[in-house]
Amino acid sequence: MPSLKLTYFDLRGRAEPIRLAFLLSDIEYEDDRFSFPQWKEVKPKTPYGSVPTLTVDGEQMAQSGAILRYVGKLAALYPSDAIAALKVDEVMETLVDLNNSTYSYRGSDTEQLKAARKKLVDEDIPRYVGALEKRLETFGGASHAVGNELTVADLVITCTVNSVQCGILDYVPVDVLDQYPRINAIHKAVMDNPKVVEWYKKYPIKKQTPKMD
């Protein structure tokens, strides 16, 4: 196994599915976390001025999706079958699109943020998550996204649900995803894993009440 160091902020964000893949496979790695004030020192040292990065035997690699797929392969959480891998990728890319919609407005104007989040709740979540829910009915089992075994797609779904339920997204109801039973079954299966339970005892998900008006 190569020497591995994952570098990201000291928060969940885009690194969390990768951390969970490491956790569930017992692969040793360095969980290199830094604070926001340290970002100005870290940023110039990254390939694209972004994180996460994964340093593999001294070579720094970038892009969260690429890193997750690589770690998924090391962890046997990414299918070797081409069609199954395609389905895993479809699930993950759909949630990338949803994430892009979630953060489509990054300015400080409250009314513009409200409008963007209203579109997210009224249009984008039904479009992406509603369609994904139906796709999962043919892709996987009762509690897995693709097939009957855990894949990185399950981890991305889980982290997406956590981000909504924890209340960090202002003007987005924390229960907006409750209407999607298959999504929630996958989330529950991952969160009930004993390793994941212990992980979130160590790194608890802080709950807050989002602004709604």
N, C-alpha and C. Protein backbone atom coordinates (compact mmCIF):
# COMPACT_ATOMS: atom_id res chain seq x y z
N MET A 1 0.84 -1.19 0.00
CA MET A 1 0.00 0.00 0.00
C MET A 1 0.89 1.25 0.00
N PRO A 2 0.59 2.23 -0.84
CA PRO A 2 1.40 3.45 -0.87
C PRO A 2 1.23 4.29 0.38
N SER A 3 2.15 5.22 0.58
CA SER A 3 2.00 6.21 1.64
C SER A 3 0.97 7.24 1.18
N LEU A 4 -0.01 7.54 2.04
CA LEU A 4 -1.15 8.38 1.65
C LEU A 4 -1.37 9.50 2.66
N LYS A 5 -1.53 10.72 2.15
CA LYS A 5 -1.86 11.87 3.01
C LYS A 5 -2.97 12.67 2.36
N LEU A 6 -4.09 12.78 3.06
CA LEU A 6 -5.24 13.54 2.58
C LEU A 6 -5.23 14.91 3.26
N THR A 7 -5.23 15.96 2.46
CA THR A 7 -5.15 17.32 2.98
C THR A 7 -6.45 18.07 2.70
N TYR A 8 -7.05 18.62 3.77
CA TYR A 8 -8.30 19.36 3.62
C TYR A 8 -8.51 20.20 4.88
N PHE A 9 -9.47 21.12 4.79
CA PHE A 9 -9.87 21.89 5.97
C PHE A 9 -10.31 20.95 7.10
N ASP A 10 -10.32 21.48 8.30
CA ASP A 10 -10.78 20.71 9.46
C ASP A 10 -12.31 20.78 9.53
N LEU A 11 -12.93 20.25 8.49
CA LEU A 11 -14.38 20.14 8.41
C LEU A 11 -14.70 19.01 7.45
N ARG A 12 -16.01 18.70 7.28
CA ARG A 12 -16.38 17.55 6.46
C ARG A 12 -16.20 17.86 4.97
N GLY A 13 -17.08 18.65 4.42
CA GLY A 13 -16.95 19.11 3.05
C GLY A 13 -16.68 18.02 2.03
N ARG A 14 -15.88 18.37 1.04
CA ARG A 14 -15.62 17.47 -0.08
C ARG A 14 -14.68 16.32 0.27
N ALA A 15 -14.02 16.41 1.42
CA ALA A 15 -13.11 15.34 1.82
C ALA A 15 -13.80 14.21 2.57
N GLU A 16 -15.02 14.46 3.06
CA GLU A 16 -15.62 13.48 3.97
C GLU A 16 -15.90 12.12 3.33
N PRO A 17 -16.42 12.04 2.09
CA PRO A 17 -16.58 10.70 1.51
C PRO A 17 -15.26 9.95 1.39
N ILE A 18 -14.19 10.68 1.13
CA ILE A 18 -12.86 10.06 1.02
C ILE A 18 -12.43 9.53 2.38
N ARG A 19 -12.61 10.34 3.42
CA ARG A 19 -12.26 9.89 4.77
C ARG A 19 -13.05 8.64 5.15
N LEU A 20 -14.34 8.62 4.80
CA LEU A 20 -15.16 7.45 5.13
C LEU A 20 -14.70 6.22 4.37
N ALA A 21 -14.26 6.39 3.14
CA ALA A 21 -13.73 5.26 2.37
C ALA A 21 -12.49 4.69 3.04
N PHE A 22 -11.60 5.57 3.49
CA PHE A 22 -10.44 5.11 4.25
C PHE A 22 -10.87 4.39 5.52
N LEU A 23 -11.79 5.01 6.25
CA LEU A 23 -12.25 4.46 7.52
C LEU A 23 -12.82 3.05 7.36
N LEU A 24 -13.70 2.88 6.40
CA LEU A 24 -14.42 1.61 6.26
C LEU A 24 -13.55 0.49 5.71
N SER A 25 -12.42 0.85 5.12
CA SER A 25 -11.52 -0.17 4.56
C SER A 25 -10.28 -0.39 5.41
N ASP A 26 -10.17 0.38 6.50
CA ASP A 26 -9.01 0.26 7.40
C ASP A 26 -7.69 0.55 6.71
N ILE A 27 -7.72 1.38 5.67
CA ILE A 27 -6.48 1.78 5.00
C ILE A 27 -5.82 2.89 5.81
N GLU A 28 -4.55 2.74 6.10
CA GLU A 28 -3.83 3.75 6.86
C GLU A 28 -3.52 4.96 5.97
N TYR A 29 -3.75 6.14 6.54
CA TYR A 29 -3.44 7.38 5.82
C TYR A 29 -3.25 8.49 6.84
N GLU A 30 -2.67 9.58 6.41
CA GLU A 30 -2.53 10.75 7.27
C GLU A 30 -3.68 11.70 6.97
N ASP A 31 -4.47 11.98 7.99
CA ASP A 31 -5.61 12.89 7.86
C ASP A 31 -5.11 14.30 8.19
N ASP A 32 -4.60 14.97 7.17
CA ASP A 32 -3.95 16.27 7.32
C ASP A 32 -4.99 17.38 7.25
N ARG A 33 -5.36 17.92 8.41
CA ARG A 33 -6.39 18.95 8.49
C ARG A 33 -5.75 20.30 8.83
N PHE A 34 -6.32 21.35 8.26
CA PHE A 34 -5.79 22.68 8.56
C PHE A 34 -6.95 23.65 8.80
N SER A 35 -6.65 24.76 9.45
CA SER A 35 -7.66 25.76 9.78
C SER A 35 -7.80 26.78 8.65
N PHE A 36 -8.86 27.57 8.70
CA PHE A 36 -9.06 28.59 7.67
C PHE A 36 -7.91 29.60 7.62
N PRO A 37 -7.37 30.07 8.76
CA PRO A 37 -6.23 30.98 8.68
C PRO A 37 -5.00 30.36 7.99
N GLN A 38 -4.88 29.05 8.04
CA GLN A 38 -3.73 28.38 7.41
C GLN A 38 -3.89 28.22 5.90
N TRP A 39 -5.09 28.47 5.38
CA TRP A 39 -5.37 28.24 3.96
C TRP A 39 -4.45 29.06 3.05
N LYS A 40 -4.13 30.27 3.46
CA LYS A 40 -3.27 31.12 2.63
C LYS A 40 -1.88 30.51 2.46
N GLU A 41 -1.46 29.68 3.40
CA GLU A 41 -0.18 29.00 3.27
C GLU A 41 -0.31 27.71 2.47
N VAL A 42 -1.44 27.03 2.60
CA VAL A 42 -1.66 25.75 1.93
C VAL A 42 -1.96 25.95 0.45
N LYS A 43 -2.79 26.94 0.12
CA LYS A 43 -3.30 27.12 -1.24
C LYS A 43 -2.23 27.15 -2.32
N PRO A 44 -1.15 27.94 -2.17
CA PRO A 44 -0.14 27.99 -3.24
C PRO A 44 0.60 26.67 -3.45
N LYS A 45 0.50 25.78 -2.49
CA LYS A 45 1.21 24.50 -2.59
C LYS A 45 0.38 23.41 -3.25
N THR A 46 -0.86 23.75 -3.64
CA THR A 46 -1.73 22.76 -4.28
C THR A 46 -1.70 22.93 -5.79
N PRO A 47 -2.00 21.88 -6.56
CA PRO A 47 -1.92 21.96 -8.02
C PRO A 47 -2.83 23.01 -8.64
N TYR A 48 -4.04 23.18 -8.09
CA TYR A 48 -5.02 24.09 -8.70
C TYR A 48 -5.54 25.15 -7.73
N GLY A 49 -4.87 25.31 -6.61
CA GLY A 49 -5.36 26.26 -5.62
C GLY A 49 -6.63 25.81 -4.95
N SER A 50 -6.78 24.50 -4.79
CA SER A 50 -8.00 23.95 -4.20
C SER A 50 -7.66 22.68 -3.43
N VAL A 51 -8.57 22.31 -2.55
CA VAL A 51 -8.45 21.06 -1.80
C VAL A 51 -9.78 20.33 -1.88
N PRO A 52 -9.79 19.02 -1.65
CA PRO A 52 -8.73 18.20 -1.09
C PRO A 52 -7.64 17.85 -2.09
N THR A 53 -6.49 17.49 -1.53
CA THR A 53 -5.44 16.85 -2.31
C THR A 53 -5.07 15.54 -1.61
N LEU A 54 -4.54 14.62 -2.39
CA LEU A 54 -4.06 13.35 -1.85
C LEU A 54 -2.62 13.18 -2.30
N THR A 55 -1.72 13.09 -1.34
CA THR A 55 -0.31 12.87 -1.64
C THR A 55 -0.04 11.37 -1.59
N VAL A 56 0.36 10.82 -2.74
CA VAL A 56 0.58 9.38 -2.89
C VAL A 56 2.07 9.15 -3.10
N ASP A 57 2.71 8.54 -2.11
CA ASP A 57 4.15 8.32 -2.17
C ASP A 57 4.90 9.59 -2.56
N GLY A 58 4.49 10.71 -1.98
CA GLY A 58 5.17 11.98 -2.19
C GLY A 58 4.67 12.80 -3.36
N GLU A 59 3.79 12.24 -4.19
CA GLU A 59 3.26 12.97 -5.35
C GLU A 59 1.85 13.47 -5.02
N GLN A 60 1.67 14.78 -5.11
CA GLN A 60 0.39 15.38 -4.75
C GLN A 60 -0.59 15.33 -5.92
N MET A 61 -1.78 14.77 -5.66
CA MET A 61 -2.84 14.66 -6.66
C MET A 61 -4.03 15.49 -6.19
N ALA A 62 -4.88 15.90 -7.16
CA ALA A 62 -5.98 16.81 -6.85
C ALA A 62 -7.29 16.31 -7.45
N GLN A 63 -8.35 17.05 -7.13
CA GLN A 63 -9.73 16.85 -7.57
C GLN A 63 -10.42 15.76 -6.75
N SER A 64 -11.45 16.18 -6.02
CA SER A 64 -12.10 15.29 -5.05
C SER A 64 -12.69 14.04 -5.68
N GLY A 65 -13.31 14.17 -6.86
CA GLY A 65 -13.90 13.00 -7.50
C GLY A 65 -12.85 11.99 -7.92
N ALA A 66 -11.75 12.48 -8.48
CA ALA A 66 -10.67 11.59 -8.89
C ALA A 66 -10.06 10.89 -7.68
N ILE A 67 -9.87 11.65 -6.60
CA ILE A 67 -9.30 11.06 -5.38
C ILE A 67 -10.24 10.01 -4.80
N LEU A 68 -11.53 10.31 -4.77
CA LEU A 68 -12.49 9.35 -4.22
C LEU A 68 -12.51 8.06 -5.03
N ARG A 69 -12.46 8.17 -6.34
CA ARG A 69 -12.44 6.95 -7.17
C ARG A 69 -11.16 6.15 -6.93
N TYR A 70 -10.04 6.83 -6.81
CA TYR A 70 -8.78 6.14 -6.56
C TYR A 70 -8.81 5.41 -5.22
N VAL A 71 -9.23 6.13 -4.18
CA VAL A 71 -9.30 5.50 -2.87
C VAL A 71 -10.35 4.39 -2.88
N GLY A 72 -11.44 4.60 -3.60
CA GLY A 72 -12.46 3.56 -3.73
C GLY A 72 -11.90 2.28 -4.33
N LYS A 73 -11.02 2.43 -5.30
CA LYS A 73 -10.39 1.25 -5.91
C LYS A 73 -9.46 0.56 -4.91
N LEU A 74 -8.68 1.35 -4.18
CA LEU A 74 -7.81 0.75 -3.16
C LEU A 74 -8.63 0.03 -2.09
N ALA A 75 -9.80 0.59 -1.79
CA ALA A 75 -10.62 0.09 -0.69
C ALA A 75 -11.64 -0.96 -1.11
N ALA A 76 -11.63 -1.33 -2.39
CA ALA A 76 -12.63 -2.26 -2.93
C ALA A 76 -14.05 -1.72 -2.75
N LEU A 77 -14.18 -0.40 -2.89
CA LEU A 77 -15.48 0.27 -2.80
C LEU A 77 -15.87 0.89 -4.14
N TYR A 78 -15.15 0.52 -5.18
CA TYR A 78 -15.45 1.00 -6.53
C TYR A 78 -15.47 -0.22 -7.44
N PRO A 79 -16.54 -0.41 -8.21
CA PRO A 79 -16.70 -1.67 -8.95
C PRO A 79 -15.64 -1.89 -10.03
N SER A 80 -15.26 -3.14 -10.22
CA SER A 80 -14.38 -3.50 -11.34
C SER A 80 -15.19 -3.71 -12.61
N ASP A 81 -16.47 -4.05 -12.47
CA ASP A 81 -17.36 -4.20 -13.62
C ASP A 81 -17.65 -2.83 -14.22
N ALA A 82 -17.51 -2.70 -15.54
CA ALA A 82 -17.61 -1.40 -16.20
C ALA A 82 -19.00 -0.78 -16.07
N ILE A 83 -20.05 -1.58 -16.21
CA ILE A 83 -21.41 -1.05 -16.11
C ILE A 83 -21.72 -0.62 -14.68
N ALA A 84 -21.32 -1.43 -13.72
CA ALA A 84 -21.53 -1.05 -12.32
C ALA A 84 -20.77 0.24 -11.99
N ALA A 85 -19.55 0.36 -12.50
CA ALA A 85 -18.77 1.57 -12.28
C ALA A 85 -19.45 2.78 -12.92
N LEU A 86 -20.03 2.57 -14.10
CA LEU A 86 -20.76 3.64 -14.78
C LEU A 86 -21.93 4.12 -13.92
N LYS A 87 -22.63 3.19 -13.30
CA LYS A 87 -23.76 3.55 -12.44
C LYS A 87 -23.29 4.31 -11.20
N VAL A 88 -22.19 3.85 -10.61
CA VAL A 88 -21.63 4.57 -9.47
C VAL A 88 -21.27 5.99 -9.87
N ASP A 89 -20.63 6.14 -11.03
CA ASP A 89 -20.26 7.47 -11.51
C ASP A 89 -21.49 8.33 -11.76
N GLU A 90 -22.55 7.74 -12.31
CA GLU A 90 -23.77 8.51 -12.55
C GLU A 90 -24.34 9.07 -11.25
N VAL A 91 -24.38 8.23 -10.23
CA VAL A 91 -24.88 8.68 -8.93
C VAL A 91 -24.03 9.84 -8.41
N MET A 92 -22.72 9.68 -8.44
CA MET A 92 -21.84 10.70 -7.89
C MET A 92 -21.91 11.99 -8.69
N GLU A 93 -21.95 11.89 -10.02
CA GLU A 93 -22.00 13.10 -10.85
C GLU A 93 -23.33 13.83 -10.71
N THR A 94 -24.41 13.08 -10.49
CA THR A 94 -25.70 13.72 -10.23
C THR A 94 -25.64 14.56 -8.97
N LEU A 95 -24.96 14.06 -7.95
CA LEU A 95 -24.85 14.80 -6.71
C LEU A 95 -23.84 15.94 -6.81
N VAL A 96 -22.89 15.84 -7.73
CA VAL A 96 -22.03 16.99 -8.03
C VAL A 96 -22.87 18.11 -8.62
N ASP A 97 -23.77 17.77 -9.55
CA ASP A 97 -24.67 18.77 -10.13
C ASP A 97 -25.53 19.42 -9.04
N LEU A 98 -26.04 18.59 -8.13
CA LEU A 98 -26.85 19.13 -7.04
C LEU A 98 -26.02 20.07 -6.16
N ASN A 99 -24.80 19.68 -5.87
CA ASN A 99 -23.92 20.51 -5.05
C ASN A 99 -23.63 21.84 -5.73
N ASN A 100 -23.43 21.81 -7.04
CA ASN A 100 -23.20 23.05 -7.78
C ASN A 100 -24.41 23.97 -7.69
N SER A 101 -25.61 23.39 -7.72
CA SER A 101 -26.83 24.19 -7.56
C SER A 101 -26.94 24.74 -6.14
N THR A 102 -26.54 23.93 -5.17
CA THR A 102 -26.62 24.35 -3.77
C THR A 102 -25.79 25.59 -3.52
N TYR A 103 -24.62 25.65 -4.14
CA TYR A 103 -23.71 26.77 -3.92
C TYR A 103 -23.59 27.65 -5.16
N SER A 104 -24.69 27.76 -5.91
CA SER A 104 -24.67 28.57 -7.14
C SER A 104 -24.49 30.05 -6.85
N TYR A 105 -24.93 30.48 -5.66
CA TYR A 105 -24.72 31.87 -5.27
C TYR A 105 -23.83 31.90 -4.03
N ARG A 106 -22.71 32.61 -4.12
CA ARG A 106 -21.75 32.66 -3.02
C ARG A 106 -21.53 34.09 -2.52
N GLY A 107 -22.38 35.01 -2.94
CA GLY A 107 -22.23 36.39 -2.52
C GLY A 107 -22.83 36.65 -1.16
N SER A 108 -22.93 37.93 -0.82
CA SER A 108 -23.40 38.32 0.52
C SER A 108 -24.80 38.93 0.51
N ASP A 109 -25.44 39.00 -0.67
CA ASP A 109 -26.78 39.57 -0.75
C ASP A 109 -27.81 38.54 -0.28
N THR A 110 -28.50 38.86 0.78
CA THR A 110 -29.44 37.91 1.38
C THR A 110 -30.57 37.53 0.44
N GLU A 111 -31.11 38.50 -0.27
CA GLU A 111 -32.24 38.22 -1.16
C GLU A 111 -31.83 37.32 -2.32
N GLN A 112 -30.63 37.52 -2.84
CA GLN A 112 -30.16 36.65 -3.91
C GLN A 112 -29.93 35.23 -3.41
N LEU A 113 -29.41 35.12 -2.19
CA LEU A 113 -29.22 33.78 -1.61
C LEU A 113 -30.57 33.10 -1.40
N LYS A 114 -31.54 33.85 -0.88
CA LYS A 114 -32.88 33.28 -0.69
C LYS A 114 -33.45 32.77 -2.01
N ALA A 115 -33.29 33.57 -3.07
CA ALA A 115 -33.83 33.19 -4.37
C ALA A 115 -33.15 31.93 -4.89
N ALA A 116 -31.82 31.86 -4.72
CA ALA A 116 -31.07 30.68 -5.18
C ALA A 116 -31.48 29.43 -4.41
N ARG A 117 -31.66 29.57 -3.10
CA ARG A 117 -32.02 28.42 -2.28
C ARG A 117 -33.49 28.02 -2.52
N LYS A 118 -34.34 28.98 -2.84
CA LYS A 118 -35.73 28.65 -3.18
C LYS A 118 -35.76 27.81 -4.45
N LYS A 119 -34.94 28.20 -5.42
CA LYS A 119 -34.84 27.41 -6.66
C LYS A 119 -34.31 26.02 -6.36
N LEU A 120 -33.34 25.94 -5.45
CA LEU A 120 -32.79 24.64 -5.07
C LEU A 120 -33.88 23.74 -4.51
N VAL A 121 -34.66 24.27 -3.58
CA VAL A 121 -35.70 23.47 -2.92
C VAL A 121 -36.85 23.15 -3.86
N ASP A 122 -37.27 24.14 -4.63
CA ASP A 122 -38.47 23.96 -5.47
C ASP A 122 -38.20 23.24 -6.78
N GLU A 123 -36.99 23.40 -7.32
CA GLU A 123 -36.70 22.86 -8.65
C GLU A 123 -35.56 21.85 -8.68
N ASP A 124 -34.42 22.22 -8.10
CA ASP A 124 -33.22 21.40 -8.30
C ASP A 124 -33.23 20.11 -7.50
N ILE A 125 -33.69 20.16 -6.25
CA ILE A 125 -33.76 18.92 -5.47
C ILE A 125 -34.75 17.94 -6.08
N PRO A 126 -35.97 18.38 -6.44
CA PRO A 126 -36.86 17.43 -7.13
C PRO A 126 -36.27 16.91 -8.44
N ARG A 127 -35.59 17.79 -9.16
CA ARG A 127 -35.00 17.36 -10.44
C ARG A 127 -33.93 16.31 -10.24
N TYR A 128 -32.97 16.59 -9.39
CA TYR A 128 -31.83 15.69 -9.24
C TYR A 128 -32.12 14.53 -8.28
N VAL A 129 -32.58 14.86 -7.08
CA VAL A 129 -32.78 13.81 -6.08
C VAL A 129 -34.00 12.97 -6.41
N GLY A 130 -35.05 13.63 -6.91
CA GLY A 130 -36.23 12.87 -7.31
C GLY A 130 -35.93 11.88 -8.41
N ALA A 131 -35.18 12.32 -9.41
CA ALA A 131 -34.80 11.42 -10.50
C ALA A 131 -33.85 10.33 -10.01
N LEU A 132 -32.91 10.72 -9.14
CA LEU A 132 -31.95 9.74 -8.62
C LEU A 132 -32.66 8.66 -7.80
N GLU A 133 -33.64 9.06 -7.02
CA GLU A 133 -34.41 8.09 -6.23
C GLU A 133 -34.99 7.00 -7.14
N LYS A 134 -35.52 7.40 -8.28
CA LYS A 134 -36.10 6.44 -9.22
C LYS A 134 -35.02 5.57 -9.86
N ARG A 135 -33.87 6.18 -10.17
CA ARG A 135 -32.77 5.42 -10.76
C ARG A 135 -32.26 4.35 -9.78
N LEU A 136 -32.21 4.71 -8.51
CA LEU A 136 -31.70 3.77 -7.51
C LEU A 136 -32.59 2.55 -7.35
N GLU A 137 -33.85 2.68 -7.72
CA GLU A 137 -34.75 1.53 -7.66
C GLU A 137 -34.31 0.41 -8.59
N THR A 138 -33.62 0.77 -9.66
CA THR A 138 -33.13 -0.24 -10.61
C THR A 138 -31.64 -0.51 -10.47
N PHE A 139 -30.91 0.41 -9.83
CA PHE A 139 -29.46 0.28 -9.72
C PHE A 139 -29.02 -0.65 -8.60
N GLY A 140 -29.71 -0.59 -7.45
CA GLY A 140 -29.15 -1.25 -6.26
C GLY A 140 -30.16 -2.04 -5.47
N GLY A 141 -29.70 -2.45 -4.29
CA GLY A 141 -30.56 -3.17 -3.37
C GLY A 141 -31.30 -2.21 -2.48
N ALA A 142 -31.83 -2.73 -1.38
CA ALA A 142 -32.66 -1.90 -0.49
C ALA A 142 -31.86 -0.80 0.19
N SER A 143 -30.57 -1.05 0.45
CA SER A 143 -29.79 -0.08 1.21
C SER A 143 -28.44 0.22 0.57
N HIS A 144 -28.31 -0.03 -0.72
CA HIS A 144 -27.09 0.31 -1.45
C HIS A 144 -27.44 0.97 -2.77
N ALA A 145 -26.60 1.88 -3.20
CA ALA A 145 -26.88 2.63 -4.43
C ALA A 145 -26.75 1.77 -5.67
N VAL A 146 -25.70 0.96 -5.71
CA VAL A 146 -25.42 0.13 -6.89
C VAL A 146 -25.13 -1.30 -6.43
N GLY A 147 -25.91 -2.25 -6.91
CA GLY A 147 -25.71 -3.63 -6.50
C GLY A 147 -26.08 -3.84 -5.05
N ASN A 148 -25.48 -4.84 -4.45
CA ASN A 148 -25.80 -5.19 -3.07
C ASN A 148 -24.62 -5.03 -2.12
N GLU A 149 -23.62 -4.26 -2.55
CA GLU A 149 -22.46 -4.02 -1.71
C GLU A 149 -22.19 -2.53 -1.61
N LEU A 150 -21.54 -2.15 -0.54
CA LEU A 150 -21.19 -0.75 -0.31
C LEU A 150 -20.23 -0.26 -1.39
N THR A 151 -20.50 0.94 -1.91
CA THR A 151 -19.60 1.60 -2.86
C THR A 151 -19.43 3.05 -2.44
N VAL A 152 -18.52 3.73 -3.11
CA VAL A 152 -18.31 5.15 -2.82
C VAL A 152 -19.56 5.97 -3.11
N ALA A 153 -20.44 5.48 -3.97
CA ALA A 153 -21.70 6.20 -4.23
C ALA A 153 -22.53 6.31 -2.96
N ASP A 154 -22.55 5.26 -2.15
CA ASP A 154 -23.27 5.30 -0.87
C ASP A 154 -22.70 6.37 0.05
N LEU A 155 -21.39 6.54 0.00
CA LEU A 155 -20.74 7.51 0.88
C LEU A 155 -21.06 8.94 0.45
N VAL A 156 -21.12 9.18 -0.85
CA VAL A 156 -21.47 10.51 -1.34
C VAL A 156 -22.92 10.84 -1.00
N ILE A 157 -23.81 9.88 -1.17
CA ILE A 157 -25.21 10.08 -0.77
C ILE A 157 -25.29 10.42 0.71
N THR A 158 -24.60 9.66 1.53
CA THR A 158 -24.64 9.87 2.98
C THR A 158 -24.16 11.26 3.35
N CYS A 159 -23.07 11.69 2.78
CA CYS A 159 -22.52 13.01 3.11
C CYS A 159 -23.43 14.13 2.61
N THR A 160 -24.10 13.90 1.49
CA THR A 160 -25.05 14.89 0.99
C THR A 160 -26.22 15.05 1.95
N VAL A 161 -26.77 13.93 2.40
CA VAL A 161 -27.88 13.98 3.36
C VAL A 161 -27.44 14.64 4.67
N ASN A 162 -26.26 14.31 5.14
CA ASN A 162 -25.76 14.92 6.38
C ASN A 162 -25.66 16.43 6.26
N SER A 163 -25.22 16.91 5.10
CA SER A 163 -25.06 18.35 4.91
C SER A 163 -26.39 19.08 4.98
N VAL A 164 -27.44 18.43 4.50
CA VAL A 164 -28.78 19.04 4.56
C VAL A 164 -29.34 18.94 5.97
N GLN A 165 -29.24 17.77 6.56
CA GLN A 165 -29.87 17.54 7.87
C GLN A 165 -29.21 18.31 9.01
N CYS A 166 -27.94 18.68 8.86
CA CYS A 166 -27.25 19.36 9.96
C CYS A 166 -27.62 20.83 10.05
N GLY A 167 -28.28 21.38 9.01
CA GLY A 167 -28.77 22.74 9.09
C GLY A 167 -27.81 23.83 8.66
N ILE A 168 -26.73 23.47 7.96
CA ILE A 168 -25.77 24.50 7.55
C ILE A 168 -26.24 25.30 6.34
N LEU A 169 -27.29 24.82 5.66
CA LEU A 169 -27.76 25.49 4.45
C LEU A 169 -28.94 26.39 4.79
N ASP A 170 -28.68 27.68 4.87
CA ASP A 170 -29.76 28.61 5.16
C ASP A 170 -30.83 28.57 4.07
N TYR A 171 -32.07 28.69 4.50
CA TYR A 171 -33.25 28.71 3.63
C TYR A 171 -33.52 27.35 2.97
N VAL A 172 -32.94 26.30 3.53
CA VAL A 172 -33.22 24.94 3.07
C VAL A 172 -33.73 24.14 4.27
N PRO A 173 -34.98 23.66 4.24
CA PRO A 173 -35.50 22.88 5.37
C PRO A 173 -34.66 21.62 5.61
N VAL A 174 -34.39 21.32 6.86
CA VAL A 174 -33.53 20.17 7.18
C VAL A 174 -34.19 18.85 6.81
N ASP A 175 -35.51 18.86 6.63
CA ASP A 175 -36.23 17.63 6.30
C ASP A 175 -36.58 17.52 4.82
N VAL A 176 -35.96 18.35 3.98
CA VAL A 176 -36.35 18.40 2.57
C VAL A 176 -36.07 17.09 1.84
N LEU A 177 -35.16 16.28 2.35
CA LEU A 177 -34.84 15.00 1.70
C LEU A 177 -35.59 13.82 2.33
N ASP A 178 -36.41 14.08 3.32
CA ASP A 178 -37.09 12.99 4.02
C ASP A 178 -38.05 12.21 3.13
N GLN A 179 -38.49 12.82 2.04
CA GLN A 179 -39.49 12.19 1.17
C GLN A 179 -38.89 11.15 0.23
N TYR A 180 -37.58 10.92 0.31
CA TYR A 180 -36.92 9.99 -0.60
C TYR A 180 -36.46 8.75 0.17
N PRO A 181 -37.28 7.71 0.23
CA PRO A 181 -37.00 6.57 1.11
C PRO A 181 -35.73 5.80 0.76
N ARG A 182 -35.43 5.64 -0.51
CA ARG A 182 -34.24 4.87 -0.86
C ARG A 182 -32.97 5.64 -0.50
N ILE A 183 -32.97 6.94 -0.76
CA ILE A 183 -31.85 7.78 -0.35
C ILE A 183 -31.63 7.66 1.15
N ASN A 184 -32.71 7.71 1.91
CA ASN A 184 -32.60 7.67 3.37
C ASN A 184 -32.22 6.29 3.88
N ALA A 185 -32.60 5.23 3.18
CA ALA A 185 -32.19 3.88 3.58
C ALA A 185 -30.69 3.71 3.40
N ILE A 186 -30.15 4.26 2.32
CA ILE A 186 -28.70 4.20 2.09
C ILE A 186 -27.98 5.00 3.16
N HIS A 187 -28.47 6.19 3.44
CA HIS A 187 -27.88 7.03 4.49
C HIS A 187 -27.87 6.31 5.83
N LYS A 188 -28.98 5.71 6.19
CA LYS A 188 -29.08 5.01 7.48
C LYS A 188 -28.11 3.83 7.55
N ALA A 189 -27.99 3.08 6.46
CA ALA A 189 -27.11 1.92 6.46
C ALA A 189 -25.66 2.32 6.72
N VAL A 190 -25.24 3.42 6.11
CA VAL A 190 -23.87 3.89 6.32
C VAL A 190 -23.70 4.44 7.73
N MET A 191 -24.63 5.27 8.16
CA MET A 191 -24.50 5.91 9.47
C MET A 191 -24.61 4.92 10.62
N ASP A 192 -25.26 3.77 10.38
CA ASP A 192 -25.38 2.74 11.42
C ASP A 192 -24.17 1.82 11.49
N ASN A 193 -23.27 1.92 10.52
CA ASN A 193 -22.06 1.10 10.55
C ASN A 193 -21.26 1.42 11.82
N PRO A 194 -20.85 0.44 12.58
CA PRO A 194 -20.16 0.71 13.84
C PRO A 194 -18.93 1.61 13.70
N LYS A 195 -18.18 1.45 12.62
CA LYS A 195 -17.01 2.31 12.41
C LYS A 195 -17.42 3.76 12.20
N VAL A 196 -18.51 3.95 11.48
CA VAL A 196 -19.00 5.31 11.22
C VAL A 196 -19.56 5.92 12.49
N VAL A 197 -20.25 5.11 13.29
CA VAL A 197 -20.77 5.59 14.57
C VAL A 197 -19.62 6.12 15.43
N GLU A 198 -18.53 5.37 15.52
CA GLU A 198 -17.38 5.80 16.32
C GLU A 198 -16.72 7.03 15.71
N TRP A 199 -16.67 7.10 14.39
CA TRP A 199 -16.08 8.25 13.70
C TRP A 199 -16.79 9.54 14.09
N TYR A 200 -18.12 9.50 14.09
CA TYR A 200 -18.87 10.72 14.39
C TYR A 200 -19.00 10.98 15.89
N LYS A 201 -18.56 10.06 16.70
CA LYS A 201 -18.35 10.38 18.11
C LYS A 201 -17.08 11.21 18.25
N LYS A 202 -16.09 10.88 17.43
CA LYS A 202 -14.83 11.61 17.46
C LYS A 202 -14.95 12.95 16.76
N TYR A 203 -15.68 12.96 15.64
CA TYR A 203 -15.88 14.19 14.86
C TYR A 203 -17.38 14.44 14.72
N PRO A 204 -18.03 14.90 15.79
CA PRO A 204 -19.49 15.03 15.76
C PRO A 204 -19.99 16.03 14.73
N ILE A 205 -21.14 15.69 14.14
CA ILE A 205 -21.80 16.59 13.20
C ILE A 205 -22.60 17.59 14.01
N LYS A 206 -22.20 18.84 13.95
CA LYS A 206 -22.87 19.87 14.73
C LYS A 206 -24.18 20.26 14.05
N LYS A 207 -25.25 20.18 14.81
CA LYS A 207 -26.56 20.54 14.31
C LYS A 207 -26.83 22.02 14.58
N GLN A 208 -27.46 22.67 13.62
CA GLN A 208 -27.85 24.05 13.82
C GLN A 208 -29.18 24.29 13.11
N THR A 209 -29.81 25.39 13.43
CA THR A 209 -31.08 25.73 12.80
C THR A 209 -30.83 26.71 11.67
N PRO A 210 -31.15 26.34 10.44
CA PRO A 210 -30.89 27.25 9.32
C PRO A 210 -31.82 28.46 9.35
N LYS A 211 -31.35 29.57 8.84
CA LYS A 211 -32.23 30.73 8.66
C LYS A 211 -33.30 30.35 7.63
N MET A 212 -34.54 30.72 7.91
CA MET A 212 -35.62 30.39 7.00
C MET A 212 -36.41 31.62 6.55
N ASP A 213 -36.12 32.79 7.13
CA ASP A 213 -36.83 34.00 6.68
C ASP A 213 -35.95 35.22 6.89
